[in-house]
Amino acid sequence: MKVILRKNFEQLGKVGDVVSVKDGYARNYLIPRQIAYHATAGNIRALEEEKKQIAKREAKELDSAAKLAAELEKVSVTIPVKVGEEDKIFGTVTNQMIADSLKEKGFDIEKRRIEITETIKSLGIYTVTVKLHPSVTATVKTWVVRE
């Protein structure tokens, strides 16, 4: 059976590809999960329209992510922590702590989007990467200070 992919599917291909799969796989898995359509002329036209809408939505998301990245570049976050001897902190600074500090500054960023390249176990200034979009990242200066 020939089907048209609606979503990128690692095993088969990308959006809009016309692929040939076994009938049962298409009827029982791909079509019910809205991963694919039957390959008819009407569905091909519908998919082209859907591609245009997806492209517009992605362009808006990319634009808003770029604006947010520009704002985040200007922000620095201060995280007060308890410190032991030789300025070693108890535990580490986590993504959640940075997300909470950003929320206080008015930026609602999910903790999963914050990437800490090196573990923060002492006082100092660190740069933390925030992945806003697959092609847009921002860096936030993080100050770890004594509580």
C-alpha atoms as a PDB file:
ATOM      1  CA  MET A   1       0.000   0.000   0.000  1.00  0.00           C
ATOM      2  CA  LYS A   2       1.279   3.461  -0.827  1.00  0.00           C
ATOM      3  CA  VAL A   3       1.002   6.116   1.872  1.00  0.00           C
ATOM      4  CA  ILE A   4       2.059   9.741   2.263  1.00  0.00           C
ATOM      5  CA  LEU A   5       3.901  10.624   5.457  1.00  0.00           C
ATOM      6  CA  ARG A   6       2.405  13.464   7.513  1.00  0.00           C
ATOM      7  CA  LYS A   7       5.245  13.511  10.037  1.00  0.00           C
ATOM      8  CA  ASN A   8       8.934  12.757   9.957  1.00  0.00           C
ATOM      9  CA  PHE A   9       9.205   9.070  10.756  1.00  0.00           C
ATOM     10  CA  GLU A  10      12.706   7.755  11.294  1.00  0.00           C
ATOM     11  CA  GLN A  11      12.111   4.303   9.824  1.00  0.00           C
ATOM     12  CA  LEU A  12      10.338   5.488   6.672  1.00  0.00           C
ATOM     13  CA  GLY A  13      11.177   9.058   5.674  1.00  0.00           C
ATOM     14  CA  LYS A  14      10.269  12.716   5.938  1.00  0.00           C
ATOM     15  CA  VAL A  15       7.044  14.686   5.643  1.00  0.00           C
ATOM     16  CA  GLY A  16       5.487  14.404   2.185  1.00  0.00           C
ATOM     17  CA  ASP A  17       7.370  11.294   1.074  1.00  0.00           C
ATOM     18  CA  VAL A  18       5.273   8.683  -0.724  1.00  0.00           C
ATOM     19  CA  VAL A  19       6.367   5.312   0.618  1.00  0.00           C
ATOM     20  CA  SER A  20       5.212   1.764   0.053  1.00  0.00           C
ATOM     21  CA  VAL A  21       4.473  -0.262   3.202  1.00  0.00           C
ATOM     22  CA  LYS A  22       2.591  -3.442   4.022  1.00  0.00           C
ATOM     23  CA  ASP A  23      -1.189  -3.070   4.229  1.00  0.00           C
ATOM     24  CA  GLY A  24      -1.481  -4.109   7.889  1.00  0.00           C
ATOM     25  CA  TYR A  25       1.273  -1.716   8.995  1.00  0.00           C
ATOM     26  CA  ALA A  26      -0.458   1.175   7.261  1.00  0.00           C
ATOM     27  CA  ARG A  27      -4.003   0.334   8.446  1.00  0.00           C
ATOM     28  CA  ASN A  28      -3.151  -0.637  12.018  1.00  0.00           C
ATOM     29  CA  TYR A  29      -0.277   1.663  12.904  1.00  0.00           C
ATOM     30  CA  LEU A  30       0.500   4.569  10.556  1.00  0.00           C
ATOM     31  CA  ILE A  31      -2.997   5.787   9.676  1.00  0.00           C
ATOM     32  CA  PRO A  32      -4.605   5.544  13.177  1.00  0.00           C
ATOM     33  CA  ARG A  33      -1.672   7.464  14.705  1.00  0.00           C
ATOM     34  CA  GLN A  34      -1.958  10.079  11.938  1.00  0.00           C
ATOM     35  CA  ILE A  35       1.597   9.480  10.795  1.00  0.00           C
ATOM     36  CA  ALA A  36       0.453   8.803   7.226  1.00  0.00           C
ATOM     37  CA  TYR A  37      -2.454   9.153   4.740  1.00  0.00           C
ATOM     38  CA  HIS A  38      -3.546   6.896   1.908  1.00  0.00           C
ATOM     39  CA  ALA A  39      -1.766   8.069  -1.241  1.00  0.00           C
ATOM     40  CA  THR A  40      -4.648   9.615  -3.177  1.00  0.00           C
ATOM     41  CA  ALA A  41      -4.669  12.762  -5.290  1.00  0.00           C
ATOM     42  CA  GLY A  42      -6.851  14.602  -2.773  1.00  0.00           C
ATOM     43  CA  ASN A  43      -4.583  13.702   0.127  1.00  0.00           C
ATOM     44  CA  ILE A  44      -1.524  14.873  -1.803  1.00  0.00           C
ATOM     45  CA  ARG A  45      -3.150  18.305  -2.259  1.00  0.00           C
ATOM     46  CA  ALA A  46      -4.166  18.392   1.428  1.00  0.00           C
ATOM     47  CA  LEU A  47      -0.619  17.566   2.473  1.00  0.00           C
ATOM     48  CA  GLU A  48       0.789  20.391   0.355  1.00  0.00           C
ATOM     49  CA  GLU A  49      -1.512  22.835   2.164  1.00  0.00           C
ATOM     50  CA  GLU A  50      -0.515  21.346   5.510  1.00  0.00           C
ATOM     51  CA  LYS A  51       3.180  21.784   4.588  1.00  0.00           C
ATOM     52  CA  LYS A  52       2.585  25.485   3.913  1.00  0.00           C
ATOM     53  CA  GLN A  53       0.901  25.931   7.302  1.00  0.00           C
ATOM     54  CA  ILE A  54       3.711  24.056   9.067  1.00  0.00           C
ATOM     55  CA  ALA A  55       6.305  26.252   7.333  1.00  0.00           C
ATOM     56  CA  LYS A  56       4.482  29.423   8.458  1.00  0.00           C
ATOM     57  CA  ARG A  57       4.215  28.141  12.042  1.00  0.00           C
ATOM     58  CA  GLU A  58       7.905  27.199  12.127  1.00  0.00           C
ATOM     59  CA  ALA A  59       8.873  30.616  10.779  1.00  0.00           C
ATOM     60  CA  LYS A  60       6.882  32.302  13.568  1.00  0.00           C
ATOM     61  CA  GLU A  61       8.454  30.029  16.195  1.00  0.00           C
ATOM     62  CA  LEU A  62      11.936  30.747  14.845  1.00  0.00           C
ATOM     63  CA  ASP A  63      11.302  34.496  14.889  1.00  0.00           C
ATOM     64  CA  SER A  64       9.972  34.478  18.451  1.00  0.00           C
ATOM     65  CA  ALA A  65      12.865  32.252  19.592  1.00  0.00           C
ATOM     66  CA  ALA A  66      15.374  34.664  18.042  1.00  0.00           C
ATOM     67  CA  LYS A  67      13.768  37.616  19.844  1.00  0.00           C
ATOM     68  CA  LEU A  68      13.766  35.735  23.145  1.00  0.00           C
ATOM     69  CA  ALA A  69      17.412  34.756  22.619  1.00  0.00           C
ATOM     70  CA  ALA A  70      18.359  38.403  22.117  1.00  0.00           C
ATOM     71  CA  GLU A  71      16.620  39.308  25.393  1.00  0.00           C
ATOM     72  CA  LEU A  72      18.208  36.395  27.277  1.00  0.00           C
ATOM     73  CA  GLU A  73      21.711  37.398  26.148  1.00  0.00           C
ATOM     74  CA  LYS A  74      21.316  40.618  28.157  1.00  0.00           C
ATOM     75  CA  VAL A  75      20.200  38.842  31.350  1.00  0.00           C
ATOM     76  CA  SER A  76      22.408  37.574  34.143  1.00  0.00           C
ATOM     77  CA  VAL A  77      21.139  35.342  36.914  1.00  0.00           C
ATOM     78  CA  THR A  78      22.356  35.323  40.519  1.00  0.00           C
ATOM     79  CA  ILE A  79      21.983  32.109  42.487  1.00  0.00           C
ATOM     80  CA  PRO A  80      22.736  32.270  46.226  1.00  0.00           C
ATOM     81  CA  VAL A  81      23.952  28.947  47.684  1.00  0.00           C
ATOM     82  CA  LYS A  82      25.229  27.636  50.999  1.00  0.00           C
ATOM     83  CA  VAL A  83      28.991  27.265  51.006  1.00  0.00           C
ATOM     84  CA  GLY A  84      31.400  25.067  52.955  1.00  0.00           C
ATOM     85  CA  GLU A  85      35.172  25.280  53.212  1.00  0.00           C
ATOM     86  CA  GLU A  86      37.220  26.529  50.252  1.00  0.00           C
ATOM     87  CA  ASP A  87      34.082  27.987  48.631  1.00  0.00           C
ATOM     88  CA  LYS A  88      32.722  24.550  47.712  1.00  0.00           C
ATOM     89  CA  ILE A  89      28.952  24.563  47.602  1.00  0.00           C
ATOM     90  CA  PHE A  90      26.755  21.862  49.110  1.00  0.00           C
ATOM     91  CA  GLY A  91      25.416  19.923  46.128  1.00  0.00           C
ATOM     92  CA  THR A  92      25.349  21.485  42.669  1.00  0.00           C
ATOM     93  CA  VAL A  93      23.486  24.227  40.880  1.00  0.00           C
ATOM     94  CA  THR A  94      20.735  22.555  38.855  1.00  0.00           C
ATOM     95  CA  ASN A  95      18.693  23.425  35.790  1.00  0.00           C
ATOM     96  CA  GLN A  96      15.669  23.937  38.045  1.00  0.00           C
ATOM     97  CA  MET A  97      17.470  26.577  40.120  1.00  0.00           C
ATOM     98  CA  ILE A  98      18.395  28.500  36.974  1.00  0.00           C
ATOM     99  CA  ALA A  99      14.855  28.146  35.573  1.00  0.00           C
ATOM    100  CA  ASP A 100      13.414  29.515  38.843  1.00  0.00           C
ATOM    101  CA  SER A 101      15.806  32.484  38.759  1.00  0.00           C
ATOM    102  CA  LEU A 102      14.853  33.209  35.154  1.00  0.00           C
ATOM    103  CA  LYS A 103      11.170  32.994  36.099  1.00  0.00           C
ATOM    104  CA  GLU A 104      11.730  35.675  38.752  1.00  0.00           C
ATOM    105  CA  LYS A 105      13.159  37.890  36.001  1.00  0.00           C
ATOM    106  CA  GLY A 106      10.099  37.309  33.820  1.00  0.00           C
ATOM    107  CA  PHE A 107      11.334  34.549  31.490  1.00  0.00           C
ATOM    108  CA  ASP A 108       9.324  31.327  31.560  1.00  0.00           C
ATOM    109  CA  ILE A 109      11.871  28.755  30.355  1.00  0.00           C
ATOM    110  CA  GLU A 110      11.447  25.004  30.857  1.00  0.00           C
ATOM    111  CA  LYS A 111      14.248  23.393  32.829  1.00  0.00           C
ATOM    112  CA  ARG A 112      14.771  20.797  30.070  1.00  0.00           C
ATOM    113  CA  ARG A 113      15.850  23.545  27.693  1.00  0.00           C
ATOM    114  CA  ILE A 114      18.657  24.685  29.989  1.00  0.00           C
ATOM    115  CA  GLU A 115      21.953  22.906  29.342  1.00  0.00           C
ATOM    116  CA  ILE A 116      24.745  23.071  31.898  1.00  0.00           C
ATOM    117  CA  THR A 117      27.946  21.922  30.196  1.00  0.00           C
ATOM    118  CA  GLU A 118      30.070  21.656  33.332  1.00  0.00           C
ATOM    119  CA  THR A 119      28.775  20.832  36.791  1.00  0.00           C
ATOM    120  CA  ILE A 120      28.631  23.921  38.969  1.00  0.00           C
ATOM    121  CA  LYS A 121      30.153  22.988  42.329  1.00  0.00           C
ATOM    122  CA  SER A 122      31.901  26.185  43.377  1.00  0.00           C
ATOM    123  CA  LEU A 123      31.340  29.922  43.492  1.00  0.00           C
ATOM    124  CA  GLY A 124      31.963  31.914  40.360  1.00  0.00           C
ATOM    125  CA  ILE A 125      30.593  33.079  37.046  1.00  0.00           C
ATOM    126  CA  TYR A 126      29.355  30.482  34.561  1.00  0.00           C
ATOM    127  CA  THR A 127      27.721  30.608  31.159  1.00  0.00           C
ATOM    128  CA  VAL A 128      24.705  28.376  30.677  1.00  0.00           C
ATOM    129  CA  THR A 129      23.177  27.511  27.311  1.00  0.00           C
ATOM    130  CA  VAL A 130      19.423  27.736  26.754  1.00  0.00           C
ATOM    131  CA  LYS A 131      18.144  25.832  23.712  1.00  0.00           C
ATOM    132  CA  LEU A 132      15.075  27.750  22.535  1.00  0.00           C
ATOM    133  CA  HIS A 133      14.665  26.174  19.092  1.00  0.00           C
ATOM    134  CA  PRO A 134      16.613  23.483  17.226  1.00  0.00           C
ATOM    135  CA  SER A 135      18.574  26.223  15.472  1.00  0.00           C
ATOM    136  CA  VAL A 136      18.478  28.984  18.141  1.00  0.00           C
ATOM    137  CA  THR A 137      20.425  28.952  21.384  1.00  0.00           C
ATOM    138  CA  ALA A 138      21.107  31.666  23.925  1.00  0.00           C
ATOM    139  CA  THR A 139      23.668  31.979  26.681  1.00  0.00           C
ATOM    140  CA  VAL A 140      22.849  33.233  30.147  1.00  0.00           C
ATOM    141  CA  LYS A 141      25.527  34.463  32.513  1.00  0.00           C
ATOM    142  CA  THR A 142      25.049  32.759  35.881  1.00  0.00           C
ATOM    143  CA  TRP A 143      26.596  34.163  39.059  1.00  0.00           C
ATOM    144  CA  VAL A 144      26.896  31.655  41.895  1.00  0.00           C
ATOM    145  CA  VAL A 145      27.330  33.617  45.153  1.00  0.00           C
ATOM    146  CA  ARG A 146      27.510  32.925  48.874  1.00  0.00           C
ATOM    147  CA  GLU A 147      24.118  32.920  50.602  1.00  0.00           C
END
